[in-house]
Amino acid sequence: MTSIWIAVALLAGLYLLKLLLPARDKNGVAYRLPPGPRGWPIVGSTFQIPSENPTPVLTKLAEKYGEMYALS
């Protein structure tokens, strides 16, 4: 039974390590996302964009951040 808890703790630790360390390319340079609005913790930008007619909000984001922007 304790080996299961050790495995769970190890997997949770590896998952947290992956979240904290930035992704890197083959040369070791960290990836950078394009600019975009800051999202809320856990849900990101989910509630900032309406589900029925997102076009006006997305258009305003494109005017502010350019043609390419990142949403979380």
N, C-alpha and C. Protein backbone atom coordinates (compact mmCIF):
# COMPACT_ATOMS: atom_id res chain seq x y z
N MET A 1 0.81 -1.20 0.00
CA MET A 1 0.00 0.00 0.00
C MET A 1 0.86 1.27 0.00
N THR A 2 1.98 1.23 0.71
CA THR A 2 2.84 2.42 0.73
C THR A 2 3.52 2.66 -0.61
N SER A 3 3.73 1.59 -1.38
CA SER A 3 4.35 1.79 -2.70
C SER A 3 3.42 2.56 -3.63
N ILE A 4 2.13 2.42 -3.46
CA ILE A 4 1.17 3.18 -4.27
C ILE A 4 1.29 4.67 -3.93
N TRP A 5 1.38 4.99 -2.63
CA TRP A 5 1.49 6.38 -2.23
C TRP A 5 2.82 6.99 -2.67
N ILE A 6 3.87 6.19 -2.67
CA ILE A 6 5.16 6.68 -3.15
C ILE A 6 5.08 6.98 -4.64
N ALA A 7 4.42 6.11 -5.40
CA ALA A 7 4.26 6.32 -6.84
C ALA A 7 3.40 7.56 -7.11
N VAL A 8 2.33 7.74 -6.34
CA VAL A 8 1.47 8.91 -6.52
C VAL A 8 2.24 10.19 -6.20
N ALA A 9 3.00 10.18 -5.12
CA ALA A 9 3.79 11.36 -4.75
C ALA A 9 4.85 11.66 -5.80
N LEU A 10 5.48 10.62 -6.34
CA LEU A 10 6.49 10.82 -7.38
C LEU A 10 5.86 11.41 -8.65
N LEU A 11 4.72 10.89 -9.06
CA LEU A 11 4.04 11.43 -10.24
C LEU A 11 3.58 12.86 -10.02
N ALA A 12 3.07 13.16 -8.83
CA ALA A 12 2.64 14.53 -8.53
C ALA A 12 3.84 15.47 -8.54
N GLY A 13 4.97 15.03 -8.00
CA GLY A 13 6.17 15.86 -8.02
C GLY A 13 6.66 16.13 -9.43
N LEU A 14 6.65 15.10 -10.28
CA LEU A 14 7.08 15.29 -11.67
C LEU A 14 6.13 16.22 -12.42
N TYR A 15 4.83 16.10 -12.14
CA TYR A 15 3.85 16.98 -12.78
C TYR A 15 4.09 18.43 -12.36
N LEU A 16 4.32 18.67 -11.08
CA LEU A 16 4.58 20.04 -10.61
C LEU A 16 5.89 20.58 -11.19
N LEU A 17 6.88 19.74 -11.31
CA LEU A 17 8.15 20.16 -11.90
C LEU A 17 7.96 20.57 -13.35
N LYS A 18 7.15 19.82 -14.10
CA LYS A 18 6.86 20.16 -15.49
C LYS A 18 6.12 21.49 -15.59
N LEU A 19 5.22 21.75 -14.64
CA LEU A 19 4.48 23.01 -14.66
C LEU A 19 5.38 24.20 -14.35
N LEU A 20 6.34 24.01 -13.46
CA LEU A 20 7.18 25.12 -13.04
C LEU A 20 8.31 25.44 -14.00
N LEU A 21 8.83 24.44 -14.69
CA LEU A 21 9.93 24.68 -15.62
C LEU A 21 9.38 25.00 -17.01
N PRO A 22 9.91 26.01 -17.67
CA PRO A 22 9.42 26.34 -19.01
C PRO A 22 9.83 25.28 -20.04
N ALA A 23 9.00 25.11 -21.05
CA ALA A 23 9.33 24.19 -22.14
C ALA A 23 10.48 24.78 -22.94
N ARG A 24 11.36 23.93 -23.43
CA ARG A 24 12.54 24.39 -24.17
C ARG A 24 12.64 23.67 -25.51
N ASP A 25 13.24 24.36 -26.49
CA ASP A 25 13.46 23.73 -27.78
C ASP A 25 14.76 22.93 -27.75
N LYS A 26 15.17 22.40 -28.90
CA LYS A 26 16.35 21.53 -28.93
C LYS A 26 17.65 22.25 -28.60
N ASN A 27 17.67 23.60 -28.71
CA ASN A 27 18.86 24.37 -28.36
C ASN A 27 18.85 24.84 -26.91
N GLY A 28 17.81 24.52 -26.17
CA GLY A 28 17.73 24.91 -24.77
C GLY A 28 17.11 26.27 -24.52
N VAL A 29 16.56 26.89 -25.57
CA VAL A 29 15.93 28.20 -25.42
C VAL A 29 14.46 27.99 -25.03
N ALA A 30 14.00 28.72 -24.01
CA ALA A 30 12.62 28.58 -23.54
C ALA A 30 11.66 29.12 -24.60
N TYR A 31 10.55 28.41 -24.79
CA TYR A 31 9.51 28.86 -25.71
C TYR A 31 8.83 30.09 -25.12
N ARG A 32 8.45 30.99 -25.98
CA ARG A 32 7.69 32.16 -25.55
C ARG A 32 6.40 32.23 -26.35
N LEU A 33 5.31 32.44 -25.67
CA LEU A 33 4.02 32.60 -26.34
C LEU A 33 3.86 34.04 -26.80
N PRO A 34 3.04 34.27 -27.83
CA PRO A 34 2.76 35.65 -28.23
C PRO A 34 2.01 36.37 -27.11
N PRO A 35 1.97 37.71 -27.15
CA PRO A 35 1.27 38.44 -26.10
C PRO A 35 -0.22 38.15 -26.12
N GLY A 36 -0.86 38.42 -25.01
CA GLY A 36 -2.30 38.21 -24.90
C GLY A 36 -2.79 38.62 -23.54
N PRO A 37 -4.11 38.57 -23.35
CA PRO A 37 -4.66 38.97 -22.05
C PRO A 37 -4.29 37.97 -20.96
N ARG A 38 -4.13 38.46 -19.75
CA ARG A 38 -3.85 37.57 -18.63
C ARG A 38 -5.14 36.88 -18.23
N GLY A 39 -5.06 35.60 -18.04
CA GLY A 39 -6.22 34.85 -17.61
C GLY A 39 -6.28 34.71 -16.11
N TRP A 40 -7.40 34.21 -15.63
CA TRP A 40 -7.57 33.95 -14.21
C TRP A 40 -6.92 32.62 -13.88
N PRO A 41 -6.55 32.41 -12.63
CA PRO A 41 -5.98 31.11 -12.25
C PRO A 41 -6.96 29.98 -12.55
N ILE A 42 -6.46 28.89 -13.03
CA ILE A 42 -7.16 27.65 -13.37
C ILE A 42 -8.05 27.78 -14.60
N VAL A 43 -8.93 28.78 -14.68
CA VAL A 43 -9.87 28.87 -15.81
C VAL A 43 -9.32 29.67 -16.99
N GLY A 44 -8.26 30.44 -16.78
CA GLY A 44 -7.66 31.19 -17.89
C GLY A 44 -8.55 32.28 -18.43
N SER A 45 -8.69 32.34 -19.75
CA SER A 45 -9.49 33.37 -20.41
C SER A 45 -10.90 32.89 -20.74
N THR A 46 -11.32 31.80 -20.14
CA THR A 46 -12.59 31.18 -20.49
C THR A 46 -13.77 32.13 -20.36
N PHE A 47 -13.83 32.87 -19.26
CA PHE A 47 -15.00 33.71 -19.01
C PHE A 47 -14.86 35.11 -19.59
N GLN A 48 -13.75 35.42 -20.23
CA GLN A 48 -13.57 36.73 -20.84
C GLN A 48 -14.14 36.78 -22.25
N ILE A 49 -14.39 35.63 -22.85
CA ILE A 49 -14.87 35.56 -24.22
C ILE A 49 -16.26 34.92 -24.22
N PRO A 50 -17.28 35.64 -24.71
CA PRO A 50 -18.63 35.07 -24.71
C PRO A 50 -18.74 33.90 -25.68
N SER A 51 -19.57 32.94 -25.35
CA SER A 51 -19.69 31.75 -26.20
C SER A 51 -20.62 31.99 -27.39
N GLU A 52 -21.54 32.94 -27.30
CA GLU A 52 -22.52 33.13 -28.37
C GLU A 52 -21.98 33.97 -29.52
N ASN A 53 -21.36 35.11 -29.24
CA ASN A 53 -20.85 35.97 -30.30
C ASN A 53 -19.45 36.47 -29.91
N PRO A 54 -18.42 35.66 -30.13
CA PRO A 54 -17.08 36.06 -29.69
C PRO A 54 -16.37 37.03 -30.63
N THR A 55 -16.93 37.29 -31.80
CA THR A 55 -16.24 38.09 -32.81
C THR A 55 -15.86 39.49 -32.33
N PRO A 56 -16.75 40.27 -31.69
CA PRO A 56 -16.33 41.61 -31.26
C PRO A 56 -15.20 41.58 -30.23
N VAL A 57 -15.24 40.64 -29.31
CA VAL A 57 -14.19 40.56 -28.29
C VAL A 57 -12.87 40.15 -28.93
N LEU A 58 -12.91 39.18 -29.83
CA LEU A 58 -11.69 38.73 -30.50
C LEU A 58 -11.12 39.82 -31.40
N THR A 59 -11.99 40.63 -32.00
CA THR A 59 -11.54 41.74 -32.83
C THR A 59 -10.82 42.79 -31.98
N LYS A 60 -11.37 43.09 -30.79
CA LYS A 60 -10.71 44.05 -29.89
C LYS A 60 -9.36 43.51 -29.42
N LEU A 61 -9.29 42.22 -29.16
CA LEU A 61 -8.01 41.62 -28.76
C LEU A 61 -6.99 41.72 -29.89
N ALA A 62 -7.44 41.51 -31.14
CA ALA A 62 -6.54 41.62 -32.28
C ALA A 62 -6.06 43.06 -32.47
N GLU A 63 -6.92 44.04 -32.20
CA GLU A 63 -6.50 45.43 -32.30
C GLU A 63 -5.46 45.77 -31.23
N LYS A 64 -5.63 45.19 -30.04
CA LYS A 64 -4.73 45.49 -28.93
C LYS A 64 -3.40 44.74 -29.03
N TYR A 65 -3.43 43.43 -29.37
CA TYR A 65 -2.23 42.60 -29.33
C TYR A 65 -1.67 42.25 -30.71
N GLY A 66 -2.37 42.56 -31.77
CA GLY A 66 -1.88 42.24 -33.11
C GLY A 66 -2.59 41.01 -33.67
N GLU A 67 -2.15 40.58 -34.86
CA GLU A 67 -2.82 39.48 -35.53
C GLU A 67 -2.68 38.15 -34.79
N MET A 68 -1.59 37.98 -34.06
CA MET A 68 -1.38 36.73 -33.35
C MET A 68 -1.29 37.03 -31.85
N TYR A 69 -2.15 36.38 -31.07
CA TYR A 69 -2.12 36.54 -29.64
C TYR A 69 -2.46 35.21 -29.00
N ALA A 70 -2.11 35.07 -27.73
CA ALA A 70 -2.31 33.81 -27.02
C ALA A 70 -3.42 33.95 -25.99
N LEU A 71 -4.27 32.94 -25.91
CA LEU A 71 -5.30 32.85 -24.89
C LEU A 71 -5.00 31.62 -24.05
N SER A 72 -5.24 31.72 -22.77
CA SER A 72 -4.99 30.56 -21.91
C SER A 72 -6.30 29.99 -21.42
